[in-house]
Amino acid sequence: MITQLRRFTDRLGRWRTVAVLAVPTLLLMGVFNFHPAAVPYLQKAGNGVPPLDIQLGYGPRDVDSLFSNYGVEGRQRYALFLLADLAFAACYGLLLAGLLRLALRPPVATVNSRWNDLCVLPLLAACGDIVENLSILGLLAVYPSLPAMLVYLASVATIIKWSAAAIGIAAILIAFGARLALLNGRAGVQKSLDGGHEHDSAG
């Protein structure tokens, strides 16, 4: 399974693929966070409480209070938001996996290094996001009934999403930092060697 996922991330780890994935990811991120009908509306409708998928964990009482504050129109808008978020989850998961695979290419990690397995983390975050969205959509569909199992499934999926995404993004930053340091180090060594050859020639 891990081997198959690694091969999949190998195909994602190309600058052209990453650039293509970046367009819908950044577009959707901007719409979700700044369009008045998206997160700003939901936060206002929830009396300042952010949507469930932005929280770090919640229980049945939290869900009931938020859905009640939303009202019928707010719950309908939240459902539409979650449907669009399914596409966003797929986009950012693939984008981050591709970026991490690029960052981990040699000389940072060898082709068969276990470090390449870190590329699975963004995909895990995306899967957690999708499970979370589907669970919350289920809760919206049966409200005012709120099955505790479904609430906790959504909550655990949210925690997995944020945890995997945070570790994945940190890994991307660290790997690109290491890559830059290694490349600068190689450039410095090469410059020293070239300077030595010029000195020998002059002598």
C-alpha atoms as a PDB file:
ATOM      1  CA  MET A   1       0.000   0.000   0.000  1.00  0.00           C
ATOM      2  CA  ILE A   2       2.727   2.470   1.010  1.00  0.00           C
ATOM      3  CA  THR A   3       4.737   1.513  -2.073  1.00  0.00           C
ATOM      4  CA  GLN A   4       1.768   2.233  -4.334  1.00  0.00           C
ATOM      5  CA  LEU A   5       1.141   5.564  -2.641  1.00  0.00           C
ATOM      6  CA  ARG A   6       4.829   6.447  -2.998  1.00  0.00           C
ATOM      7  CA  ARG A   7       4.659   5.743  -6.726  1.00  0.00           C
ATOM      8  CA  PHE A   8       1.555   7.906  -6.928  1.00  0.00           C
ATOM      9  CA  THR A   9       3.328  10.801  -5.187  1.00  0.00           C
ATOM     10  CA  ASP A  10       6.268  10.324  -7.584  1.00  0.00           C
ATOM     11  CA  ARG A  11       3.915  11.235 -10.408  1.00  0.00           C
ATOM     12  CA  LEU A  12       2.684  14.264  -8.454  1.00  0.00           C
ATOM     13  CA  GLY A  13       6.228  15.462  -7.762  1.00  0.00           C
ATOM     14  CA  ARG A  14       6.646  17.501 -10.942  1.00  0.00           C
ATOM     15  CA  TRP A  15       6.676  21.291 -11.075  1.00  0.00           C
ATOM     16  CA  ARG A  16       4.119  21.386 -13.879  1.00  0.00           C
ATOM     17  CA  THR A  17       1.700  19.165 -11.938  1.00  0.00           C
ATOM     18  CA  VAL A  18       2.190  21.219  -8.772  1.00  0.00           C
ATOM     19  CA  ALA A  19       1.541  24.462 -10.685  1.00  0.00           C
ATOM     20  CA  VAL A  20      -1.690  23.079 -12.155  1.00  0.00           C
ATOM     21  CA  LEU A  21      -2.906  21.911  -8.725  1.00  0.00           C
ATOM     22  CA  ALA A  22      -1.974  25.234  -7.130  1.00  0.00           C
ATOM     23  CA  VAL A  23      -4.481  27.180  -9.239  1.00  0.00           C
ATOM     24  CA  PRO A  24      -7.745  25.607  -7.971  1.00  0.00           C
ATOM     25  CA  THR A  25      -6.303  25.179  -4.460  1.00  0.00           C
ATOM     26  CA  LEU A  26      -5.469  28.865  -4.034  1.00  0.00           C
ATOM     27  CA  LEU A  27      -8.668  29.951  -5.773  1.00  0.00           C
ATOM     28  CA  LEU A  28     -10.884  27.868  -3.489  1.00  0.00           C
ATOM     29  CA  MET A  29      -8.905  28.907  -0.417  1.00  0.00           C
ATOM     30  CA  GLY A  30      -9.458  32.555  -1.273  1.00  0.00           C
ATOM     31  CA  VAL A  31     -13.178  32.075  -1.917  1.00  0.00           C
ATOM     32  CA  PHE A  32     -13.728  30.095   1.282  1.00  0.00           C
ATOM     33  CA  ASN A  33     -11.923  32.542   3.544  1.00  0.00           C
ATOM     34  CA  PHE A  34     -12.839  35.897   2.031  1.00  0.00           C
ATOM     35  CA  HIS A  35     -16.123  35.555   0.129  1.00  0.00           C
ATOM     36  CA  PRO A  36     -18.894  36.972   2.350  1.00  0.00           C
ATOM     37  CA  ALA A  37     -21.131  33.952   1.633  1.00  0.00           C
ATOM     38  CA  ALA A  38     -18.545  31.410   2.841  1.00  0.00           C
ATOM     39  CA  VAL A  39     -16.631  31.264   6.157  1.00  0.00           C
ATOM     40  CA  PRO A  40     -17.346  34.914   7.100  1.00  0.00           C
ATOM     41  CA  TYR A  41     -21.094  34.261   6.778  1.00  0.00           C
ATOM     42  CA  LEU A  42     -20.931  30.991   8.731  1.00  0.00           C
ATOM     43  CA  GLN A  43     -18.888  32.553  11.518  1.00  0.00           C
ATOM     44  CA  LYS A  44     -21.354  35.422  11.793  1.00  0.00           C
ATOM     45  CA  ALA A  45     -24.345  33.055  11.711  1.00  0.00           C
ATOM     46  CA  GLY A  46     -22.701  30.964  14.437  1.00  0.00           C
ATOM     47  CA  ASN A  47     -22.365  34.006  16.713  1.00  0.00           C
ATOM     48  CA  GLY A  48     -18.602  34.053  16.312  1.00  0.00           C
ATOM     49  CA  VAL A  49     -18.145  30.278  16.538  1.00  0.00           C
ATOM     50  CA  PRO A  50     -16.227  28.947  13.505  1.00  0.00           C
ATOM     51  CA  PRO A  51     -17.612  26.097  11.350  1.00  0.00           C
ATOM     52  CA  LEU A  52     -16.989  22.597  12.669  1.00  0.00           C
ATOM     53  CA  ASP A  53     -14.329  21.790  10.086  1.00  0.00           C
ATOM     54  CA  ILE A  54     -12.207  24.714  11.327  1.00  0.00           C
ATOM     55  CA  GLN A  55     -12.415  23.658  14.983  1.00  0.00           C
ATOM     56  CA  LEU A  56     -10.001  21.173  16.557  1.00  0.00           C
ATOM     57  CA  GLY A  57     -12.654  18.967  18.133  1.00  0.00           C
ATOM     58  CA  TYR A  58     -16.300  19.023  19.174  1.00  0.00           C
ATOM     59  CA  GLY A  59     -19.067  16.998  20.771  1.00  0.00           C
ATOM     60  CA  PRO A  60     -22.842  16.611  20.303  1.00  0.00           C
ATOM     61  CA  ARG A  61     -23.642  19.716  22.385  1.00  0.00           C
ATOM     62  CA  ASP A  62     -21.282  21.864  20.325  1.00  0.00           C
ATOM     63  CA  VAL A  63     -22.836  20.626  17.084  1.00  0.00           C
ATOM     64  CA  ASP A  64     -26.373  21.131  18.329  1.00  0.00           C
ATOM     65  CA  SER A  65     -25.635  24.683  19.490  1.00  0.00           C
ATOM     66  CA  LEU A  66     -23.958  25.635  16.201  1.00  0.00           C
ATOM     67  CA  PHE A  67     -26.626  24.108  13.960  1.00  0.00           C
ATOM     68  CA  SER A  68     -29.329  25.776  16.028  1.00  0.00           C
ATOM     69  CA  ASN A  69     -27.658  29.177  15.631  1.00  0.00           C
ATOM     70  CA  TYR A  70     -27.316  28.646  11.872  1.00  0.00           C
ATOM     71  CA  GLY A  71     -31.044  28.213  11.344  1.00  0.00           C
ATOM     72  CA  VAL A  72     -32.423  26.571   8.195  1.00  0.00           C
ATOM     73  CA  GLU A  73     -30.707  28.933   5.748  1.00  0.00           C
ATOM     74  CA  GLY A  74     -27.376  28.704   7.550  1.00  0.00           C
ATOM     75  CA  ARG A  75     -27.447  24.903   7.570  1.00  0.00           C
ATOM     76  CA  GLN A  76     -28.228  24.862   3.842  1.00  0.00           C
ATOM     77  CA  ARG A  77     -25.322  27.190   3.134  1.00  0.00           C
ATOM     78  CA  TYR A  78     -23.041  25.093   5.306  1.00  0.00           C
ATOM     79  CA  ALA A  79     -24.004  21.996   3.319  1.00  0.00           C
ATOM     80  CA  LEU A  80     -23.118  23.757   0.050  1.00  0.00           C
ATOM     81  CA  PHE A  81     -19.829  24.891   1.590  1.00  0.00           C
ATOM     82  CA  LEU A  82     -18.973  21.318   2.591  1.00  0.00           C
ATOM     83  CA  LEU A  83     -19.741  20.006  -0.895  1.00  0.00           C
ATOM     84  CA  ALA A  84     -17.336  22.529  -2.399  1.00  0.00           C
ATOM     85  CA  ASP A  85     -14.815  21.678   0.325  1.00  0.00           C
ATOM     86  CA  LEU A  86     -14.693  18.097  -0.967  1.00  0.00           C
ATOM     87  CA  ALA A  87     -13.038  19.413  -4.139  1.00  0.00           C
ATOM     88  CA  PHE A  88     -10.717  21.620  -2.081  1.00  0.00           C
ATOM     89  CA  ALA A  89      -9.628  18.655   0.048  1.00  0.00           C
ATOM     90  CA  ALA A  90      -8.635  16.674  -3.024  1.00  0.00           C
ATOM     91  CA  CYS A  91      -6.777  19.649  -4.522  1.00  0.00           C
ATOM     92  CA  TYR A  92      -4.733  20.630  -1.478  1.00  0.00           C
ATOM     93  CA  GLY A  93      -3.959  17.011  -0.591  1.00  0.00           C
ATOM     94  CA  LEU A  94      -2.486  16.354  -4.032  1.00  0.00           C
ATOM     95  CA  LEU A  95      -0.720  19.734  -4.092  1.00  0.00           C
ATOM     96  CA  LEU A  96       0.995  19.282  -0.724  1.00  0.00           C
ATOM     97  CA  ALA A  97       1.960  15.692  -1.546  1.00  0.00           C
ATOM     98  CA  GLY A  98       3.522  16.880  -4.813  1.00  0.00           C
ATOM     99  CA  LEU A  99       5.395  19.710  -3.090  1.00  0.00           C
ATOM    100  CA  LEU A 100       6.747  17.394  -0.415  1.00  0.00           C
ATOM    101  CA  ARG A 101       7.848  14.863  -3.024  1.00  0.00           C
ATOM    102  CA  LEU A 102       9.711  17.619  -4.893  1.00  0.00           C
ATOM    103  CA  ALA A 103      11.363  18.815  -1.694  1.00  0.00           C
ATOM    104  CA  LEU A 104      12.511  15.286  -0.783  1.00  0.00           C
ATOM    105  CA  ARG A 105      14.176  14.526  -4.104  1.00  0.00           C
ATOM    106  CA  PRO A 106      17.953  13.908  -3.972  1.00  0.00           C
ATOM    107  CA  PRO A 107      20.147  15.223  -2.440  1.00  0.00           C
ATOM    108  CA  VAL A 108      17.706  15.636   0.485  1.00  0.00           C
ATOM    109  CA  ALA A 109      16.653  11.974   0.452  1.00  0.00           C
ATOM    110  CA  THR A 110      17.623   9.001  -1.684  1.00  0.00           C
ATOM    111  CA  VAL A 111      15.106   7.429  -4.047  1.00  0.00           C
ATOM    112  CA  ASN A 112      14.422   4.474  -1.718  1.00  0.00           C
ATOM    113  CA  SER A 113      14.586   6.462   1.539  1.00  0.00           C
ATOM    114  CA  ARG A 114      11.827   5.947   4.089  1.00  0.00           C
ATOM    115  CA  TRP A 115      11.623   9.733   4.351  1.00  0.00           C
ATOM    116  CA  ASN A 116       9.653   9.645   1.103  1.00  0.00           C
ATOM    117  CA  ASP A 117       6.819   7.979   3.009  1.00  0.00           C
ATOM    118  CA  LEU A 118       6.116  11.395   4.549  1.00  0.00           C
ATOM    119  CA  CYS A 119       4.441  12.289   1.252  1.00  0.00           C
ATOM    120  CA  VAL A 120       1.480  10.179   2.392  1.00  0.00           C
ATOM    121  CA  LEU A 121       0.691  12.693   5.175  1.00  0.00           C
ATOM    122  CA  PRO A 122      -1.014  15.290   2.922  1.00  0.00           C
ATOM    123  CA  LEU A 123      -3.069  12.503   1.371  1.00  0.00           C
ATOM    124  CA  LEU A 124      -4.069  11.374   4.868  1.00  0.00           C
ATOM    125  CA  ALA A 125      -5.098  14.958   5.672  1.00  0.00           C
ATOM    126  CA  ALA A 126      -7.233  15.092   2.530  1.00  0.00           C
ATOM    127  CA  CYS A 127      -8.886  11.757   3.371  1.00  0.00           C
ATOM    128  CA  GLY A 128      -9.603  12.995   6.888  1.00  0.00           C
ATOM    129  CA  ASP A 129     -11.137  16.152   5.430  1.00  0.00           C
ATOM    130  CA  ILE A 130     -13.368  14.164   3.096  1.00  0.00           C
ATOM    131  CA  VAL A 131     -14.563  11.855   5.892  1.00  0.00           C
ATOM    132  CA  GLU A 132     -15.177  14.903   8.071  1.00  0.00           C
ATOM    133  CA  ASN A 133     -17.209  16.678   5.375  1.00  0.00           C
ATOM    134  CA  LEU A 134     -19.318  13.628   4.604  1.00  0.00           C
ATOM    135  CA  SER A 135     -19.962  13.048   8.316  1.00  0.00           C
ATOM    136  CA  ILE A 136     -21.054  16.650   8.872  1.00  0.00           C
ATOM    137  CA  LEU A 137     -23.254  16.478   5.770  1.00  0.00           C
ATOM    138  CA  GLY A 138     -24.855  13.401   7.326  1.00  0.00           C
ATOM    139  CA  LEU A 139     -25.433  15.303  10.556  1.00  0.00           C
ATOM    140  CA  LEU A 140     -27.022  18.180   8.663  1.00  0.00           C
ATOM    141  CA  ALA A 141     -29.284  15.741   6.817  1.00  0.00           C
ATOM    142  CA  VAL A 142     -30.672  14.150  10.004  1.00  0.00           C
ATOM    143  CA  TYR A 143     -30.758  17.275  12.218  1.00  0.00           C
ATOM    144  CA  PRO A 144     -32.253  17.814  14.810  1.00  0.00           C
ATOM    145  CA  SER A 145     -31.277  14.194  15.454  1.00  0.00           C
ATOM    146  CA  LEU A 146     -27.533  14.020  16.158  1.00  0.00           C
ATOM    147  CA  PRO A 147     -26.144  10.463  16.330  1.00  0.00           C
ATOM    148  CA  ALA A 148     -23.213  10.575  18.760  1.00  0.00           C
ATOM    149  CA  MET A 149     -21.210   8.078  16.688  1.00  0.00           C
ATOM    150  CA  LEU A 150     -21.424  10.322  13.630  1.00  0.00           C
ATOM    151  CA  VAL A 151     -20.487  13.416  15.655  1.00  0.00           C
ATOM    152  CA  TYR A 152     -17.391  11.744  17.073  1.00  0.00           C
ATOM    153  CA  LEU A 153     -16.447  10.312  13.675  1.00  0.00           C
ATOM    154  CA  ALA A 154     -16.509  13.847  12.261  1.00  0.00           C
ATOM    155  CA  SER A 155     -14.549  15.192  15.229  1.00  0.00           C
ATOM    156  CA  VAL A 156     -11.829  12.528  14.997  1.00  0.00           C
ATOM    157  CA  ALA A 157     -11.580  13.070  11.239  1.00  0.00           C
ATOM    158  CA  THR A 158     -11.127  16.809  11.870  1.00  0.00           C
ATOM    159  CA  ILE A 159      -8.300  16.155  14.342  1.00  0.00           C
ATOM    160  CA  ILE A 160      -6.607  13.760  11.889  1.00  0.00           C
ATOM    161  CA  LYS A 161      -6.964  16.326   9.105  1.00  0.00           C
ATOM    162  CA  TRP A 162      -5.338  19.164  11.050  1.00  0.00           C
ATOM    163  CA  SER A 163      -2.618  16.973  12.567  1.00  0.00           C
ATOM    164  CA  ALA A 164      -1.572  15.373   9.267  1.00  0.00           C
ATOM    165  CA  ALA A 165      -1.730  18.693   7.425  1.00  0.00           C
ATOM    166  CA  ALA A 166       0.371  20.488  10.060  1.00  0.00           C
ATOM    167  CA  ILE A 167       3.060  17.782  10.077  1.00  0.00           C
ATOM    168  CA  GLY A 168       3.012  17.627   6.270  1.00  0.00           C
ATOM    169  CA  ILE A 169       3.455  21.399   5.877  1.00  0.00           C
ATOM    170  CA  ALA A 170       6.232  21.418   8.484  1.00  0.00           C
ATOM    171  CA  ALA A 171       7.951  18.595   6.569  1.00  0.00           C
ATOM    172  CA  ILE A 172       7.713  20.600   3.329  1.00  0.00           C
ATOM    173  CA  LEU A 173       9.324  23.662   4.924  1.00  0.00           C
ATOM    174  CA  ILE A 174      12.081  21.629   6.588  1.00  0.00           C
ATOM    175  CA  ALA A 175      12.808  19.624   3.420  1.00  0.00           C
ATOM    176  CA  PHE A 176      13.001  22.714   1.206  1.00  0.00           C
ATOM    177  CA  GLY A 177      15.213  24.380   3.832  1.00  0.00           C
ATOM    178  CA  ALA A 178      17.527  21.370   3.850  1.00  0.00           C
ATOM    179  CA  ARG A 179      17.518  21.327   0.056  1.00  0.00           C
ATOM    180  CA  LEU A 180      18.492  24.986  -0.131  1.00  0.00           C
ATOM    181  CA  ALA A 181      21.269  24.505   2.440  1.00  0.00           C
ATOM    182  CA  LEU A 182      22.676  21.495   0.578  1.00  0.00           C
ATOM    183  CA  LEU A 183      22.583  23.256  -2.775  1.00  0.00           C
ATOM    184  CA  ASN A 184      24.250  26.365  -1.328  1.00  0.00           C
ATOM    185  CA  GLY A 185      26.866  24.155   0.294  1.00  0.00           C
ATOM    186  CA  ARG A 186      27.617  22.444  -3.007  1.00  0.00           C
ATOM    187  CA  ALA A 187      27.827  25.807  -4.775  1.00  0.00           C
ATOM    188  CA  GLY A 188      30.259  27.046  -2.138  1.00  0.00           C
ATOM    189  CA  VAL A 189      32.478  23.967  -2.506  1.00  0.00           C
ATOM    190  CA  GLN A 190      32.445  24.275  -6.287  1.00  0.00           C
ATOM    191  CA  LYS A 191      33.363  27.967  -6.068  1.00  0.00           C
ATOM    192  CA  SER A 192      36.280  27.129  -3.764  1.00  0.00           C
ATOM    193  CA  LEU A 193      37.491  24.428  -6.162  1.00  0.00           C
ATOM    194  CA  ASP A 194      37.225  26.780  -9.133  1.00  0.00           C
ATOM    195  CA  GLY A 195      39.145  29.437  -7.209  1.00  0.00           C
ATOM    196  CA  GLY A 196      41.857  26.910  -6.379  1.00  0.00           C
ATOM    197  CA  HIS A 197      42.212  25.869 -10.020  1.00  0.00           C
ATOM    198  CA  GLU A 198      42.535  29.500 -11.102  1.00  0.00           C
ATOM    199  CA  HIS A 199      45.215  30.099  -8.448  1.00  0.00           C
ATOM    200  CA  ASP A 200      47.156  27.020  -9.611  1.00  0.00           C
ATOM    201  CA  SER A 201      46.946  28.159 -13.220  1.00  0.00           C
ATOM    202  CA  ALA A 202      48.194  31.645 -12.326  1.00  0.00           C
ATOM    203  CA  GLY A 203      51.073  30.115 -10.378  1.00  0.00           C
END
